[in-house]
Amino acid sequence: MYPITKDQIKLNKFAEKVNSHNPDYVFLLGDSDLQDRSIYDYLNTIIESKIFFSPGNNELRISKDNYIKNVGYLNKVIIEKDIKFILMDSSDSKENIITFLEDSLKNDFQNGPTVLLTHHRVWDDTIIDAKPYMHDKSYYFEDIYPTIKDKIDYIFAGNSKRQYFRDLVESIAYGKQ
């Protein structure tokens, strides 16, 4: 969302569209300028539903401390009566991610689906960064799959790469998502 976070007109149109669906929950999955307190506060004002966040690499690169100060968490588990949401910091190290997932999944959740929400696409191993908190994730799917196998029902990721999802074929370097 960072291309629109400083444009109040676009941000209001986004919120109006989201609110028109009257959702129970809204999840923003990174790169939403949440290290900026004014943007965090504004999003919480214009979105009428419960709103939760997963950090993106841009927020953490700019100021991980401010992101944590504003949002209050990097990882979070939300259990409602019939659904379990796991918000995961996909920029973290493989070791920290596995520890968090093991802890979050140690007790079977029988009441409904378990949903993993994160910034990076955990199933995509085509672009890997050597270190955590970089542009792309720092682990392979096979590193975490044994931990989530048969325990996660759905995975949603906020970082859609333009090299995979674009509608402008004349440009290799940039596409419109």
Protein backbone atom coordinates (compact mmCIF):
# COMPACT_ATOMS: atom_id res chain seq x y z
CA MET A 1 0.00 0.00 0.00
CA TYR A 2 2.94 2.36 0.31
CA PRO A 3 2.30 3.91 -3.12
CA ILE A 4 -1.00 5.33 -1.79
CA THR A 5 -0.39 5.86 1.94
CA LYS A 6 0.63 9.50 1.49
CA ASP A 7 -2.26 10.24 -0.90
CA GLN A 8 -5.27 10.88 1.33
CA ILE A 9 -7.75 10.83 -1.57
CA LYS A 10 -6.62 7.38 -2.75
CA LEU A 11 -6.39 6.10 0.81
CA ASN A 12 -9.95 7.27 1.53
CA LYS A 13 -11.21 5.57 -1.66
CA PHE A 14 -9.45 2.37 -0.58
CA ALA A 15 -11.06 2.54 2.87
CA GLU A 16 -14.46 3.33 1.39
CA LYS A 17 -14.25 0.23 -0.82
CA VAL A 18 -13.07 -1.98 2.05
CA ASN A 19 -15.74 -0.64 4.41
CA SER A 20 -18.46 -1.17 1.78
CA HIS A 21 -18.00 -4.92 2.25
CA ASN A 22 -18.49 -4.62 6.02
CA PRO A 23 -15.71 -7.14 6.80
CA ASP A 24 -15.21 -8.63 10.24
CA TYR A 25 -11.44 -8.28 9.85
CA VAL A 26 -9.02 -6.41 7.63
CA PHE A 27 -5.45 -7.62 7.28
CA LEU A 28 -2.76 -5.39 5.80
CA LEU A 29 0.13 -7.60 4.80
CA GLY A 30 3.12 -5.30 4.75
CA ASP A 31 4.64 -2.35 2.96
CA SER A 32 1.96 0.00 4.27
CA ASP A 33 4.21 2.66 5.87
CA LEU A 34 3.20 1.56 9.35
CA GLN A 35 6.51 2.80 10.75
CA ASP A 36 4.92 6.25 10.33
CA ARG A 37 2.64 6.90 13.31
CA SER A 38 0.36 9.27 11.42
CA ILE A 39 -0.35 6.67 8.73
CA TYR A 40 -0.92 3.93 11.32
CA ASP A 41 -3.35 6.17 13.23
CA TYR A 42 -5.14 7.26 10.06
CA LEU A 43 -5.64 3.68 8.84
CA ASN A 44 -7.11 2.76 12.22
CA THR A 45 -9.47 5.73 11.89
CA ILE A 46 -10.75 5.13 8.35
CA ILE A 47 -11.06 1.32 8.45
CA GLU A 48 -14.23 0.44 10.33
CA SER A 49 -13.38 -3.22 11.01
CA LYS A 50 -10.89 -4.91 13.29
CA ILE A 51 -7.55 -4.32 11.58
CA PHE A 52 -4.39 -6.41 11.91
CA PHE A 53 -0.97 -6.18 10.31
CA SER A 54 1.97 -8.25 9.10
CA PRO A 55 5.16 -6.29 8.59
CA GLY A 56 6.69 -5.76 5.18
CA ASN A 57 10.33 -5.41 4.39
CA ASN A 58 9.95 -1.69 3.60
CA GLU A 59 8.57 -0.79 7.03
CA LEU A 60 11.21 -2.85 8.79
CA ARG A 61 14.01 -1.45 6.63
CA ILE A 62 12.94 2.14 7.34
CA SER A 63 12.34 1.67 11.08
CA LYS A 64 11.64 -1.67 12.70
CA ASP A 65 11.53 0.05 16.10
CA ASN A 66 8.84 2.51 14.99
CA TYR A 67 6.83 -0.28 13.39
CA ILE A 68 6.85 -2.23 16.67
CA LYS A 69 6.07 0.92 18.66
CA ASN A 70 3.06 1.65 16.44
CA VAL A 71 1.67 -1.80 15.76
CA GLY A 72 2.80 -3.53 18.94
CA TYR A 73 3.91 -6.82 17.38
CA LEU A 74 5.79 -8.44 14.53
CA ASN A 75 4.06 -11.82 14.89
CA LYS A 76 0.62 -12.46 16.32
CA VAL A 77 -1.88 -15.28 16.75
CA ILE A 78 -5.58 -14.43 16.80
CA ILE A 79 -8.00 -17.16 17.79
CA GLU A 80 -11.67 -16.59 17.25
CA LYS A 81 -14.31 -19.23 17.96
CA ASP A 82 -14.10 -20.80 14.49
CA ILE A 83 -10.85 -19.55 12.94
CA LYS A 84 -7.20 -19.14 13.85
CA PHE A 85 -5.16 -16.40 12.17
CA ILE A 86 -1.38 -16.47 12.32
CA LEU A 87 0.27 -13.20 11.34
CA MET A 88 3.92 -13.88 10.58
CA ASP A 89 6.93 -11.65 10.00
CA SER A 90 8.20 -13.32 6.82
CA SER A 91 11.29 -11.10 6.72
CA ASP A 92 12.72 -12.73 9.83
CA SER A 93 15.34 -15.47 9.86
CA LYS A 94 14.43 -19.04 9.06
CA GLU A 95 15.21 -20.07 12.64
CA ASN A 96 12.95 -17.43 14.19
CA ILE A 97 10.14 -18.20 11.76
CA ILE A 98 10.27 -21.92 12.50
CA THR A 99 10.31 -21.27 16.26
CA PHE A 100 7.32 -18.94 15.98
CA LEU A 101 5.37 -21.36 13.79
CA GLU A 102 6.15 -24.35 16.01
CA ASP A 103 4.94 -22.43 19.05
CA SER A 104 1.83 -21.16 17.22
CA LEU A 105 0.91 -24.60 15.90
CA LYS A 106 1.80 -26.83 18.87
CA ASN A 107 -1.84 -27.10 19.96
CA ASP A 108 -4.20 -28.46 17.31
CA PHE A 109 -6.98 -26.07 16.42
CA GLN A 110 -10.10 -28.13 15.75
CA ASN A 111 -12.77 -25.42 15.55
CA GLY A 112 -12.11 -24.33 11.97
CA PRO A 113 -9.38 -23.34 9.55
CA THR A 114 -5.94 -22.04 10.42
CA VAL A 115 -4.86 -19.17 8.18
CA LEU A 116 -1.29 -17.92 7.74
CA LEU A 117 -1.05 -14.23 6.76
CA THR A 118 2.31 -12.82 5.83
CA HIS A 119 4.10 -10.37 3.56
CA HIS A 120 6.27 -12.65 1.41
CA ARG A 121 4.95 -15.60 -0.56
CA VAL A 122 6.27 -18.54 1.44
CA TRP A 123 5.64 -20.98 -1.43
CA ASP A 124 7.77 -19.08 -3.97
CA ASP A 125 11.47 -20.01 -3.99
CA THR A 126 12.50 -18.11 -7.10
CA ILE A 127 13.82 -15.01 -5.33
CA ILE A 128 15.69 -15.46 -2.07
CA ASP A 129 17.78 -12.95 -0.12
CA ALA A 130 20.77 -14.11 1.86
CA LYS A 131 19.82 -12.18 5.00
CA PRO A 132 16.60 -11.49 6.92
CA TYR A 133 14.76 -8.16 6.56
CA MET A 134 15.80 -7.71 2.94
CA HIS A 135 13.58 -7.28 -0.15
CA ASP A 136 12.75 -10.99 -0.36
CA LYS A 137 12.51 -13.78 2.16
CA SER A 138 15.60 -15.52 3.50
CA TYR A 139 14.42 -19.15 3.56
CA TYR A 140 13.11 -21.81 1.23
CA PHE A 141 9.60 -23.26 1.35
CA GLU A 142 11.10 -26.67 2.14
CA ASP A 143 12.60 -25.12 5.28
CA ILE A 144 9.21 -24.35 6.79
CA TYR A 145 6.92 -26.84 5.06
CA PRO A 146 7.49 -29.63 7.60
CA THR A 147 6.37 -27.22 10.33
CA ILE A 148 3.14 -26.15 8.60
CA LYS A 149 2.23 -29.40 6.82
CA ASP A 150 -1.31 -30.49 7.73
CA LYS A 151 -1.59 -27.57 10.19
CA ILE A 152 -2.17 -24.55 7.92
CA ASP A 153 -5.30 -24.53 5.77
CA TYR A 154 -4.76 -21.27 3.87
CA ILE A 155 -1.85 -18.93 3.18
CA PHE A 156 -2.26 -15.31 2.11
CA ALA A 157 0.67 -13.07 1.19
CA GLY A 158 0.70 -9.36 0.52
CA ASN A 159 3.80 -9.06 -1.64
CA SER A 160 2.82 -9.75 -5.24
CA LYS A 161 5.88 -9.54 -7.41
CA ARG A 162 5.50 -7.54 -10.56
CA GLN A 163 7.66 -10.00 -12.45
CA TYR A 164 4.90 -12.59 -11.95
CA PHE A 165 1.76 -10.47 -11.92
CA ARG A 166 1.77 -7.68 -14.48
CA ASP A 167 -0.34 -6.47 -17.30
CA LEU A 168 2.18 -4.27 -19.10
CA VAL A 169 4.23 -6.48 -21.39
CA GLU A 170 6.33 -3.69 -22.89
CA SER A 171 8.32 -3.24 -19.68
CA ILE A 172 10.40 -5.94 -18.08
CA ALA A 173 11.51 -3.89 -15.09
CA TYR A 174 8.17 -2.51 -14.02
CA GLY A 175 4.57 -3.59 -14.27
CA LYS A 176 1.23 -2.42 -13.00
CA GLN A 177 -0.07 -4.78 -10.34
